[in-house]
Amino acid sequence: MGHMRSVDISVLAVYFVSVTIIGLYFARRANTTEGYFVGNRAYPGWLIGISMYGAAISSITFVAYPADAYKTAYLRLLICLMLPIGVLIASKFFVPFFRRGKITSAFQYLEGRYGPKTRLYAATVFVIAQCIRLSVIQFLVAMLMHELTGWSVPVCILLGGVVTAFYTIWGGIEAVIWTDFIQSVILAGGGLLILAVILIKLPGGLGQIISVGMADGKFMFGDLDLADGLLHPAPWHPSLSEKTIFMMLLIGLFNWLTEYSCNQEVVQKYCTARTAKDARRAMWICCWCCVPTWAYFMFLGTSLYVFYKVFPDPAAAAMLSGAQKAEGILPHFMTTQLPVGCAGVVIAAVLAAAMSSMSSAMNSISAVAITDIYHRHIVKNANDRHYVRAAKWVTFVSSIIMIGGAYLLASSETKTLQHFCTEFGAIIAGGLLGLYMLGFFTKRGDGRAVVAGILLTVAFSTVISFYSLGLLPGNLSKLIQSHFDAYYTGVVGNIVMFITGYLFASLLPQRPRDLTNLTVYTQEATPLE
């Protein structure tokens, strides 16, 4: 689109005004830390579940999943299919640790289990990582808006960033939850609208998509072989040197266990539920909404593949061959095939997907910064109103970092910034699941053993990240390349963390500690709130 049509602009205007009004409405209720961070723990499971779903379905889902299926097949969908198993384990074992004691931050558990320094470390790492993630999400959605609307990149950055910051700062978690709910409906509608247009234009409709996709191997659990440019089914066996079905499932399990054990965004959401039963219901609602949505967006990519096979397009062919990035396929379809009015709805859906993730991230940053750092270590005895004001300032600062970081990414000439941010995230977050699993499922380990585990895990992740960025000497790089796929850095890092912590805990002199309600073996048989 060289410029936005008036109908599409009107649709976007209605969306921005609606979420702004929600922020204003909830501003009067977010006047305590309990209200600002966890909504006074009063929400039903169905609403929390939809909110968690909205935060999980980011602009990455909207753009990257169709691109992956368009160019390759469904291998990476296996990661998503492990979510039910992750939720089953988390709902049974993890919820009790975060429902007892009315905690606000996921990292409060770490202080009781390992000491205040471990809690401070994890909280600081989380805040830094989330600020980087916010900048990347805002940068990606701004670039997408720029392609779709023709508006300048700074304008696109400011539009989504300022509105998201406004309702998150003033409305707190209540505004985040209700806007997540609305945004979930919008993003689902936008995704369905794209498929509807494809089905209307394809002469054979849904049957043609399935038949062509089956004939070309687009539905298999396989990947593109760069050597011959063809799709091949993935093998089943365990391996650290190639992508296999077993390893994709293992990555998925580790990913979702991490998400539900130590991701503050998720833990904070199910801490807002009225009861433990509501928290578990929310987790399952999120699960059964997310898995079909991820599969749907993969199917959308296959549908685009069939569409452009029937209606050849030079730009689409370049994305399929690798001459251009496949992530441009959905924006290309939107700008060339959607009718008047539909484009505005779909752009609003992309914005909704991004803004629901950004608002949850900003609120979780303020919760961790205030609960784990400011209140715990800096200003310990102020009144509640003081901490609410401080939380709003933290949210404001995080929004400035988000907007500024997105602008820096947009104005930089390098093409590897997003890759660098991904690798940096692997370094600083490596082993966090192993840290929690050591705490939940063993009676061993204290702050001393944990430090050893963290250092070794970070060292391992750093070496693999340097390898991915091409910064290692040739011989060492070749050695890693022949024996290890960087996809498995997180899996191995968590195993290294757990084993190292356990071994050091076995070697060091034991210190007597009260582990009541801190491990699965020492939980009191009292009903959860």
Protein backbone atom coordinates (compact mmCIF):
# COMPACT_ATOMS: atom_id res chain seq x y z
CA MET A 1 0.00 0.00 0.00
CA GLY A 2 1.50 3.30 -0.95
CA HIS A 3 -0.92 4.89 1.46
CA MET A 4 -3.69 3.74 3.79
CA ARG A 5 -7.27 3.92 2.59
CA SER A 6 -9.73 5.87 4.73
CA VAL A 7 -11.76 2.78 5.71
CA ASP A 8 -8.62 0.99 6.92
CA ILE A 9 -7.48 4.08 8.85
CA SER A 10 -10.91 4.23 10.52
CA VAL A 11 -10.61 0.60 11.63
CA LEU A 12 -7.19 1.28 13.16
CA ALA A 13 -8.45 4.45 14.85
CA VAL A 14 -11.32 2.56 16.49
CA TYR A 15 -8.86 -0.07 17.76
CA PHE A 16 -6.43 2.48 19.26
CA VAL A 17 -9.23 4.48 20.90
CA SER A 18 -10.78 1.33 22.39
CA VAL A 19 -7.64 0.10 24.14
CA THR A 20 -6.89 3.64 25.37
CA ILE A 21 -10.34 3.89 26.97
CA ILE A 22 -9.78 0.56 28.72
CA GLY A 23 -6.58 1.93 30.26
CA LEU A 24 -8.40 5.02 31.53
CA TYR A 25 -11.23 2.92 32.98
CA PHE A 26 -8.95 0.70 35.05
CA ALA A 27 -6.65 3.54 36.15
CA ARG A 28 -8.94 4.37 39.08
CA ARG A 29 -8.76 0.78 40.38
CA ALA A 30 -4.99 0.25 40.17
CA ASN A 31 -4.18 2.14 43.39
CA THR A 32 -2.48 -0.63 45.42
CA THR A 33 0.38 -2.98 44.58
CA GLU A 34 -2.01 -5.94 44.91
CA GLY A 35 -4.34 -4.28 42.41
CA TYR A 36 -1.61 -3.03 40.08
CA PHE A 37 0.35 -6.29 39.83
CA VAL A 38 -2.13 -9.12 40.46
CA GLY A 39 -5.58 -7.51 40.17
CA ASN A 40 -6.34 -8.27 43.85
CA ARG A 41 -6.21 -11.98 42.89
CA ALA A 42 -9.88 -11.86 41.89
CA TYR A 43 -10.08 -13.05 38.29
CA PRO A 44 -11.89 -16.13 36.98
CA GLY A 45 -9.90 -18.82 35.21
CA TRP A 46 -11.53 -18.30 31.79
CA LEU A 47 -10.49 -14.64 31.62
CA ILE A 48 -6.92 -15.29 32.79
CA GLY A 49 -6.66 -18.13 30.28
CA ILE A 50 -7.71 -15.94 27.35
CA SER A 51 -5.33 -13.22 28.57
CA MET A 52 -2.45 -15.71 28.70
CA TYR A 53 -3.38 -16.83 25.21
CA GLY A 54 -3.32 -13.25 23.93
CA ALA A 55 0.13 -12.67 25.39
CA ALA A 56 1.46 -15.96 23.98
CA ILE A 57 0.28 -15.24 20.42
CA SER A 58 2.67 -12.45 19.43
CA SER A 59 3.37 -10.79 16.09
CA ILE A 60 5.99 -13.54 15.64
CA THR A 61 3.14 -16.06 15.42
CA PHE A 62 1.35 -13.86 12.91
CA VAL A 63 4.35 -13.45 10.61
CA ALA A 64 6.96 -16.16 11.28
CA TYR A 65 4.71 -19.23 11.49
CA PRO A 66 3.11 -18.72 8.04
CA ALA A 67 6.56 -17.91 6.61
CA ASP A 68 8.03 -21.15 8.00
CA ALA A 69 5.23 -23.32 6.60
CA TYR A 70 5.27 -21.43 3.29
CA LYS A 71 8.94 -22.15 2.73
CA THR A 72 9.36 -25.48 4.53
CA ALA A 73 6.99 -27.91 6.31
CA TYR A 74 5.69 -28.53 9.85
CA LEU A 75 8.80 -29.66 11.76
CA ARG A 76 8.80 -26.72 14.18
CA LEU A 77 5.10 -27.21 14.95
CA LEU A 78 6.26 -30.21 17.03
CA ILE A 79 7.59 -27.74 19.61
CA CYS A 80 4.08 -26.30 20.00
CA LEU A 81 2.46 -29.75 20.28
CA MET A 82 4.33 -30.36 23.55
CA LEU A 83 2.45 -27.55 25.34
CA PRO A 84 -0.26 -29.90 26.79
CA ILE A 85 2.40 -32.06 28.44
CA GLY A 86 4.17 -28.96 29.79
CA VAL A 87 0.89 -27.63 31.21
CA LEU A 88 0.04 -31.05 32.72
CA ILE A 89 3.33 -31.07 34.64
CA ALA A 90 3.17 -27.37 35.56
CA SER A 91 -0.46 -27.45 36.76
CA LYS A 92 0.26 -30.43 39.01
CA PHE A 93 3.69 -29.56 40.40
CA PHE A 94 4.43 -25.84 39.85
CA VAL A 95 1.20 -24.07 40.85
CA PRO A 96 1.49 -24.86 44.60
CA PHE A 97 4.86 -23.09 44.85
CA PHE A 98 3.40 -19.86 43.44
CA ARG A 99 -0.07 -19.93 45.05
CA ARG A 100 1.10 -20.33 48.65
CA GLY A 101 2.07 -17.13 50.43
CA LYS A 102 0.37 -14.84 47.88
CA ILE A 103 3.57 -14.08 46.01
CA THR A 104 3.75 -11.48 43.25
CA SER A 105 7.03 -12.46 41.57
CA ALA A 106 8.21 -15.86 40.33
CA PHE A 107 11.62 -15.06 41.81
CA GLN A 108 10.38 -14.80 45.40
CA TYR A 109 10.55 -18.59 45.48
CA LEU A 110 14.27 -18.48 44.71
CA GLU A 111 15.06 -16.47 47.84
CA GLY A 112 13.39 -19.01 50.09
CA ARG A 113 15.12 -21.88 48.30
CA TYR A 114 18.59 -20.46 47.60
CA GLY A 115 18.92 -17.05 49.26
CA PRO A 116 18.48 -13.36 48.38
CA LYS A 117 21.46 -13.15 45.99
CA THR A 118 20.03 -15.82 43.67
CA ARG A 119 16.68 -14.01 43.65
CA LEU A 120 18.36 -10.69 42.86
CA TYR A 121 20.42 -12.27 40.08
CA ALA A 122 17.41 -13.90 38.41
CA ALA A 123 15.28 -10.75 38.74
CA THR A 124 17.99 -8.52 37.24
CA VAL A 125 18.55 -10.91 34.35
CA PHE A 126 14.81 -11.04 33.70
CA VAL A 127 14.43 -7.26 33.57
CA ILE A 128 17.37 -6.86 31.17
CA ALA A 129 16.17 -9.68 28.91
CA GLN A 130 12.60 -8.34 28.83
CA CYS A 131 13.76 -4.84 27.88
CA ILE A 132 15.69 -6.30 24.95
CA ARG A 133 12.74 -8.50 23.96
CA LEU A 134 10.39 -5.50 24.07
CA SER A 135 12.63 -3.54 21.72
CA VAL A 136 12.82 -6.44 19.26
CA ILE A 137 9.03 -7.01 19.23
CA GLN A 138 8.33 -3.30 18.77
CA PHE A 139 10.96 -3.08 16.01
CA LEU A 140 9.50 -6.06 14.14
CA VAL A 141 5.90 -4.86 14.31
CA ALA A 142 6.93 -1.31 13.32
CA MET A 143 8.74 -2.63 10.26
CA LEU A 144 5.67 -4.67 9.35
CA MET A 145 3.38 -1.66 9.77
CA HIS A 146 5.77 0.39 7.66
CA GLU A 147 5.55 -2.14 4.82
CA LEU A 148 1.77 -2.34 5.04
CA THR A 149 0.91 1.34 5.45
CA GLY A 150 3.77 3.29 3.92
CA TRP A 151 4.02 5.38 7.10
CA SER A 152 7.52 6.25 8.34
CA VAL A 153 9.23 3.82 10.72
CA PRO A 154 9.42 6.32 13.65
CA VAL A 155 5.67 6.98 13.34
CA CYS A 156 4.95 3.24 13.35
CA ILE A 157 7.17 2.77 16.41
CA LEU A 158 5.47 5.58 18.30
CA LEU A 159 1.90 4.56 17.45
CA GLY A 160 2.01 1.09 18.95
CA GLY A 161 4.52 1.98 21.67
CA VAL A 162 2.80 5.05 23.10
CA VAL A 163 -0.71 3.52 23.21
CA THR A 164 0.56 0.28 24.77
CA ALA A 165 2.60 2.22 27.33
CA PHE A 166 -0.39 4.43 28.21
CA TYR A 167 -2.88 1.72 29.12
CA THR A 168 -0.22 -0.44 30.81
CA ILE A 169 1.11 2.40 32.98
CA TRP A 170 -2.26 3.67 34.15
CA GLY A 171 -4.34 0.51 34.20
CA GLY A 172 -1.86 -2.03 35.57
CA ILE A 173 -2.53 -5.77 35.27
CA GLU A 174 -6.32 -5.27 35.01
CA ALA A 175 -5.94 -3.21 31.86
CA VAL A 176 -3.43 -5.74 30.53
CA ILE A 177 -5.80 -8.67 31.14
CA TRP A 178 -8.86 -7.05 29.56
CA THR A 179 -6.96 -5.64 26.57
CA ASP A 180 -5.35 -9.07 26.10
CA PHE A 181 -8.87 -10.52 25.95
CA ILE A 182 -10.03 -8.02 23.31
CA GLN A 183 -6.80 -8.32 21.35
CA SER A 184 -7.14 -12.12 21.32
CA VAL A 185 -10.52 -11.79 19.59
CA ILE A 186 -9.11 -9.30 17.06
CA LEU A 187 -6.02 -11.36 16.19
CA ALA A 188 -8.11 -14.51 15.75
CA GLY A 189 -10.52 -12.61 13.49
CA GLY A 190 -7.67 -11.16 11.44
CA GLY A 191 -6.12 -14.57 10.90
CA LEU A 192 -9.44 -16.11 9.83
CA LEU A 193 -10.06 -13.22 7.43
CA ILE A 194 -6.83 -13.93 5.52
CA LEU A 195 -7.73 -17.61 5.03
CA ALA A 196 -11.26 -16.66 3.95
CA VAL A 197 -9.85 -14.45 1.17
CA ILE A 198 -7.54 -17.28 0.02
CA LEU A 199 -10.40 -19.80 -0.05
CA ILE A 200 -12.63 -17.43 -2.01
CA LYS A 201 -9.95 -16.79 -4.65
CA LEU A 202 -8.67 -20.36 -5.03
CA PRO A 203 -10.72 -22.24 -7.65
CA GLY A 204 -10.53 -25.51 -5.69
CA GLY A 205 -10.96 -23.99 -2.23
CA LEU A 206 -9.99 -25.98 0.87
CA GLY A 207 -9.74 -29.27 -1.00
CA GLN A 208 -7.15 -27.80 -3.36
CA ILE A 209 -5.01 -26.60 -0.45
CA ILE A 210 -5.03 -30.06 1.14
CA SER A 211 -4.43 -32.01 -2.08
CA VAL A 212 -1.59 -29.79 -3.36
CA GLY A 213 -0.05 -29.58 0.13
CA MET A 214 -0.11 -33.37 0.49
CA ALA A 215 1.34 -33.92 -2.99
CA ASP A 216 4.22 -31.49 -2.33
CA GLY A 217 5.00 -32.81 1.17
CA LYS A 218 4.04 -29.53 2.89
CA PHE A 219 2.25 -31.24 5.79
CA MET A 220 5.06 -33.57 6.84
CA PHE A 221 7.27 -33.16 9.91
CA GLY A 222 10.30 -32.31 7.82
CA ASP A 223 12.63 -29.51 6.84
CA LEU A 224 14.33 -28.00 3.81
CA ASP A 225 17.67 -29.52 2.86
CA LEU A 226 19.92 -26.66 1.76
CA ALA A 227 22.07 -29.05 -0.29
CA ASP A 228 19.35 -30.02 -2.78
CA GLY A 229 16.66 -27.42 -1.99
CA LEU A 230 14.05 -30.16 -1.35
CA LEU A 231 11.85 -31.06 1.62
CA HIS A 232 12.82 -34.22 3.50
CA PRO A 233 11.07 -35.90 6.45
CA ALA A 234 12.95 -35.58 9.72
CA PRO A 235 14.34 -38.76 11.34
CA TRP A 236 12.94 -39.90 14.69
CA HIS A 237 16.09 -40.79 16.66
CA PRO A 238 17.73 -38.69 19.43
CA SER A 239 20.62 -36.55 18.19
CA LEU A 240 22.56 -33.43 19.16
CA SER A 241 23.93 -32.85 15.66
CA GLU A 242 20.75 -32.75 13.53
CA LYS A 243 17.09 -31.74 13.80
CA THR A 244 15.00 -34.82 14.52
CA ILE A 245 11.41 -35.38 15.62
CA PHE A 246 12.51 -36.62 19.06
CA MET A 247 14.71 -33.57 19.63
CA MET A 248 12.02 -31.11 18.49
CA LEU A 249 9.62 -32.67 21.00
CA LEU A 250 12.31 -32.44 23.71
CA ILE A 251 12.95 -28.77 22.90
CA GLY A 252 9.22 -28.14 23.15
CA LEU A 253 8.95 -29.80 26.55
CA PHE A 254 11.89 -27.81 27.96
CA ASN A 255 10.49 -24.61 26.44
CA TRP A 256 7.06 -24.96 28.03
CA LEU A 257 8.36 -26.11 31.39
CA THR A 258 10.54 -22.97 31.41
CA GLU A 259 7.56 -20.84 30.41
CA TYR A 260 5.37 -22.10 33.26
CA SER A 261 8.00 -22.32 35.99
CA CYS A 262 10.10 -19.16 35.74
CA ASN A 263 8.55 -16.76 33.20
CA GLN A 264 7.22 -13.88 35.30
CA GLU A 265 4.62 -12.97 32.66
CA VAL A 266 2.98 -16.39 33.00
CA VAL A 267 3.43 -16.85 36.74
CA GLN A 268 2.05 -13.36 37.43
CA LYS A 269 -1.04 -14.14 35.35
CA TYR A 270 -2.03 -17.28 37.20
CA CYS A 271 -1.28 -15.57 40.50
CA THR A 272 -4.11 -13.14 39.62
CA ALA A 273 -6.62 -16.01 39.62
CA ARG A 274 -9.14 -16.31 42.46
CA THR A 275 -8.11 -19.85 43.41
CA ALA A 276 -5.56 -22.53 42.50
CA LYS A 277 -8.37 -24.26 40.60
CA ASP A 278 -8.91 -21.09 38.54
CA ALA A 279 -5.16 -20.86 37.91
CA ARG A 280 -5.08 -24.41 36.57
CA ARG A 281 -8.19 -23.80 34.47
CA ALA A 282 -6.51 -20.70 33.00
CA MET A 283 -3.43 -22.72 32.03
CA TRP A 284 -5.53 -25.32 30.22
CA ILE A 285 -7.70 -22.71 28.46
CA CYS A 286 -4.55 -21.00 27.24
CA CYS A 287 -3.18 -24.36 26.08
CA TRP A 288 -6.26 -25.41 24.12
CA CYS A 289 -6.45 -21.98 22.49
CA CYS A 290 -2.75 -21.72 21.63
CA VAL A 291 -2.11 -25.12 20.03
CA PRO A 292 -4.88 -24.83 17.40
CA THR A 293 -3.88 -21.21 16.71
CA TRP A 294 -0.24 -22.14 16.05
CA ALA A 295 -1.36 -25.02 13.83
CA TYR A 296 -3.76 -22.67 12.04
CA PHE A 297 -1.05 -20.12 11.22
CA MET A 298 1.16 -22.91 9.92
CA PHE A 299 -1.77 -24.03 7.74
CA LEU A 300 -2.11 -20.42 6.61
CA GLY A 301 1.47 -20.60 5.34
CA THR A 302 0.65 -23.78 3.40
CA SER A 303 -2.42 -22.04 1.98
CA LEU A 304 -0.25 -19.16 0.78
CA TYR A 305 2.09 -21.69 -0.85
CA VAL A 306 -0.81 -23.23 -2.80
CA PHE A 307 -2.26 -19.81 -3.65
CA TYR A 308 0.95 -18.59 -5.24
CA LYS A 309 1.44 -21.92 -7.01
CA VAL A 310 -1.95 -21.38 -8.66
CA PHE A 311 -1.43 -17.63 -9.13
CA PRO A 312 2.34 -17.22 -9.76
CA ASP A 313 3.92 -14.03 -8.42
CA PRO A 314 7.62 -13.06 -8.86
CA ALA A 315 7.93 -11.65 -5.32
CA ALA A 316 6.34 -14.75 -3.77
CA ALA A 317 8.62 -16.99 -5.86
CA ALA A 318 11.67 -15.08 -4.60
CA MET A 319 10.56 -15.67 -0.99
CA LEU A 320 10.08 -19.38 -1.65
CA SER A 321 13.52 -19.76 -3.25
CA GLY A 322 15.31 -17.80 -0.53
CA ALA A 323 16.21 -14.82 -2.70
CA GLN A 324 14.04 -12.76 -0.32
CA LYS A 325 13.08 -13.43 3.30
CA ALA A 326 10.02 -15.66 3.62
CA GLU A 327 8.74 -13.46 6.48
CA GLY A 328 7.57 -11.04 3.80
CA ILE A 329 4.98 -13.44 2.37
CA LEU A 330 2.06 -12.50 4.63
CA PRO A 331 2.62 -8.72 4.32
CA HIS A 332 2.93 -9.18 0.55
CA PHE A 333 -0.40 -11.02 0.40
CA MET A 334 -2.07 -8.40 2.59
CA THR A 335 -0.90 -5.47 0.47
CA THR A 336 -1.83 -7.06 -2.86
CA GLN A 337 -4.88 -9.26 -2.24
CA LEU A 338 -6.99 -7.96 0.65
CA PRO A 339 -10.04 -5.80 -0.18
CA VAL A 340 -10.76 -2.36 1.28
CA GLY A 341 -11.47 -2.51 5.03
CA CYS A 342 -10.01 -5.99 5.46
CA ALA A 343 -6.47 -4.62 5.49
CA GLY A 344 -7.31 -2.38 8.45
CA VAL A 345 -8.73 -5.34 10.39
CA VAL A 346 -5.67 -7.50 9.70
CA ILE A 347 -3.21 -4.70 10.57
CA ALA A 348 -5.16 -4.19 13.81
CA ALA A 349 -4.83 -7.95 14.40
CA VAL A 350 -1.05 -7.80 13.92
CA LEU A 351 -0.88 -4.83 16.29
CA ALA A 352 -3.09 -6.66 18.80
CA ALA A 353 -0.78 -9.67 18.72
CA ALA A 354 2.25 -7.46 19.40
CA MET A 355 0.65 -5.11 21.93
CA SER A 356 -0.75 -7.95 24.08
CA SER A 357 2.78 -9.36 24.38
CA MET A 358 4.35 -5.94 25.03
CA SER A 359 1.84 -4.89 27.72
CA SER A 360 2.30 -8.17 29.61
CA ALA A 361 6.07 -7.78 29.38
CA MET A 362 6.03 -4.18 30.66
CA ASN A 363 3.78 -5.00 33.61
CA SER A 364 5.95 -8.01 34.52
CA ILE A 365 9.06 -5.81 34.39
CA SER A 366 7.53 -3.37 36.88
CA ALA A 367 6.36 -6.23 39.14
CA VAL A 368 9.85 -7.75 39.28
CA ALA A 369 11.70 -4.43 39.52
CA ILE A 370 9.55 -3.26 42.44
CA THR A 371 8.98 -6.56 44.29
CA ASP A 372 12.39 -8.21 43.87
CA ILE A 373 14.75 -5.23 43.66
CA TYR A 374 13.33 -1.86 44.77
CA HIS A 375 11.13 -2.97 47.69
CA ARG A 376 13.44 -5.81 48.76
CA HIS A 377 16.81 -4.02 48.60
CA ILE A 378 16.42 -0.23 48.13
CA VAL A 379 13.31 1.28 49.79
CA LYS A 380 12.03 -1.32 52.25
CA ASN A 381 9.46 0.48 54.41
CA ALA A 382 7.50 2.94 52.27
CA ASN A 383 3.70 2.91 52.06
CA ASP A 384 1.78 1.10 49.32
CA ARG A 385 0.97 4.26 47.37
CA HIS A 386 4.70 4.95 47.03
CA TYR A 387 5.32 1.52 45.46
CA VAL A 388 2.42 1.95 43.02
CA ARG A 389 3.88 5.29 41.87
CA ALA A 390 7.31 3.67 41.57
CA ALA A 391 5.78 0.81 39.54
CA LYS A 392 4.22 3.28 37.10
CA TRP A 393 7.57 5.03 36.70
CA VAL A 394 9.29 1.69 36.04
CA THR A 395 6.65 0.85 33.42
CA PHE A 396 7.17 4.29 31.86
CA VAL A 397 10.96 3.83 31.75
CA SER A 398 10.57 0.35 30.21
CA SER A 399 8.34 1.85 27.51
CA ILE A 400 10.97 4.51 26.76
CA ILE A 401 13.61 1.77 26.50
CA MET A 402 11.28 -0.20 24.22
CA ILE A 403 10.64 2.73 21.88
CA GLY A 404 14.27 3.88 21.94
CA GLY A 405 15.61 0.37 21.42
CA ALA A 406 13.24 -0.22 18.51
CA TYR A 407 14.37 3.05 16.92
CA LEU A 408 18.04 2.08 17.31
CA LEU A 409 17.35 -1.28 15.71
CA ALA A 410 15.50 0.39 12.84
CA SER A 411 18.27 2.95 12.20
CA SER A 412 21.14 0.45 12.41
CA GLU A 413 22.62 -0.89 9.19
CA THR A 414 23.51 -4.32 10.49
CA LYS A 415 21.24 -7.22 9.54
CA THR A 416 22.13 -9.45 12.48
CA LEU A 417 20.76 -7.48 15.43
CA GLN A 418 17.73 -9.67 15.93
CA HIS A 419 19.96 -12.75 15.77
CA PHE A 420 22.31 -11.17 18.29
CA CYS A 421 19.42 -10.44 20.66
CA THR A 422 18.24 -14.04 20.38
CA GLU A 423 21.71 -15.34 21.15
CA PHE A 424 22.14 -12.87 24.03
CA GLY A 425 18.85 -14.09 25.47
CA ALA A 426 20.12 -17.68 25.34
CA ILE A 427 23.22 -16.66 27.32
CA ILE A 428 21.52 -14.80 30.15
CA ALA A 429 18.50 -17.08 30.45
CA GLY A 430 20.35 -20.38 30.04
CA GLY A 431 19.81 -22.83 32.86
CA LEU A 432 16.93 -21.04 34.59
CA LEU A 433 14.65 -24.06 34.21
CA GLY A 434 17.41 -26.29 35.63
CA LEU A 435 17.66 -23.92 38.60
CA TYR A 436 13.94 -24.23 39.37
CA MET A 437 13.86 -27.99 38.77
CA LEU A 438 16.75 -28.42 41.22
CA GLY A 439 14.72 -26.46 43.76
CA PHE A 440 11.37 -28.16 43.12
CA PHE A 441 12.45 -31.79 42.82
CA THR A 442 15.47 -32.17 45.12
CA LYS A 443 16.34 -31.26 48.69
CA ARG A 444 19.92 -30.49 47.71
CA GLY A 445 21.48 -27.22 46.70
CA ASP A 446 21.92 -23.77 48.19
CA GLY A 447 23.33 -20.45 46.99
CA ARG A 448 26.88 -21.81 46.77
CA ALA A 449 26.01 -24.74 44.50
CA VAL A 450 23.75 -22.56 42.36
CA VAL A 451 26.56 -20.08 41.64
CA ALA A 452 28.70 -22.90 40.23
CA GLY A 453 25.82 -24.10 38.07
CA ILE A 454 25.08 -20.61 36.74
CA LEU A 455 28.74 -19.94 35.86
CA LEU A 456 29.17 -23.24 34.00
CA THR A 457 25.85 -22.86 32.15
CA VAL A 458 26.62 -19.30 31.06
CA ALA A 459 30.09 -20.40 29.90
CA PHE A 460 28.55 -23.18 27.80
CA SER A 461 25.88 -20.90 26.29
CA THR A 462 28.50 -18.25 25.51
CA VAL A 463 30.67 -20.71 23.58
CA ILE A 464 27.70 -21.92 21.52
CA SER A 465 26.58 -18.33 20.88
CA PHE A 466 30.07 -17.35 19.69
CA TYR A 467 29.95 -20.37 17.40
CA SER A 468 26.57 -19.27 15.99
CA LEU A 469 27.92 -15.77 15.36
CA GLY A 470 31.07 -17.13 13.67
CA LEU A 471 33.46 -15.81 16.33
CA LEU A 472 35.21 -19.07 17.26
CA PRO A 473 38.51 -20.32 15.78
CA GLY A 474 38.05 -22.50 12.69
CA ASN A 475 39.01 -25.84 14.24
CA LEU A 476 36.80 -25.41 17.30
CA SER A 477 33.93 -24.19 15.14
CA LYS A 478 34.19 -27.25 12.88
CA LEU A 479 34.27 -29.54 15.92
CA ILE A 480 31.04 -28.06 17.29
CA GLN A 481 29.41 -28.04 13.85
CA SER A 482 29.99 -31.76 13.39
CA HIS A 483 28.69 -32.75 16.82
CA PHE A 484 26.17 -30.13 17.98
CA ASP A 485 23.21 -28.15 16.58
CA ALA A 486 22.77 -24.74 18.25
CA TYR A 487 19.01 -25.47 18.47
CA TYR A 488 19.78 -27.55 21.55
CA THR A 489 21.66 -24.90 23.53
CA GLY A 490 18.73 -24.34 25.91
CA VAL A 491 18.11 -28.04 26.50
CA VAL A 492 21.76 -28.84 27.25
CA GLY A 493 22.20 -25.63 29.28
CA ASN A 494 19.37 -26.58 31.64
CA ILE A 495 20.76 -30.09 32.05
CA VAL A 496 24.22 -28.63 32.80
CA MET A 497 22.65 -26.30 35.40
CA PHE A 498 20.77 -29.11 37.15
CA ILE A 499 23.65 -31.62 37.19
CA THR A 500 26.29 -29.06 38.23
CA GLY A 501 24.12 -27.68 41.02
CA TYR A 502 23.31 -31.17 42.27
CA LEU A 503 26.94 -32.35 42.21
CA PHE A 504 28.31 -29.26 43.96
CA ALA A 505 25.54 -29.53 46.55
CA SER A 506 26.64 -33.12 47.20
CA LEU A 507 30.29 -32.12 47.63
CA LEU A 508 29.84 -29.02 49.78
CA PRO A 509 29.13 -29.25 53.53
CA GLN A 510 25.37 -29.21 54.13
CA ARG A 511 23.83 -26.23 55.92
CA PRO A 512 20.64 -26.88 57.93
CA ARG A 513 17.70 -25.10 56.29
CA ASP A 514 13.91 -25.12 56.55
CA LEU A 515 12.57 -26.36 53.20
CA THR A 516 8.89 -26.41 54.15
CA ASN A 517 6.77 -25.81 51.01
CA LEU A 518 9.93 -25.33 48.92
CA THR A 519 10.20 -28.84 47.40
CA VAL A 520 7.62 -31.38 46.23
CA TYR A 521 8.70 -33.60 49.13
CA THR A 522 8.25 -30.99 51.88
CA GLN A 523 4.90 -29.42 51.00
CA GLU A 524 2.35 -29.13 53.76
CA ALA A 525 -0.99 -30.82 53.15
CA THR A 526 -2.96 -27.57 53.38
CA PRO A 527 -5.51 -26.39 50.82
CA LEU A 528 -4.26 -23.81 48.34
CA GLU A 529 -5.93 -20.44 48.00
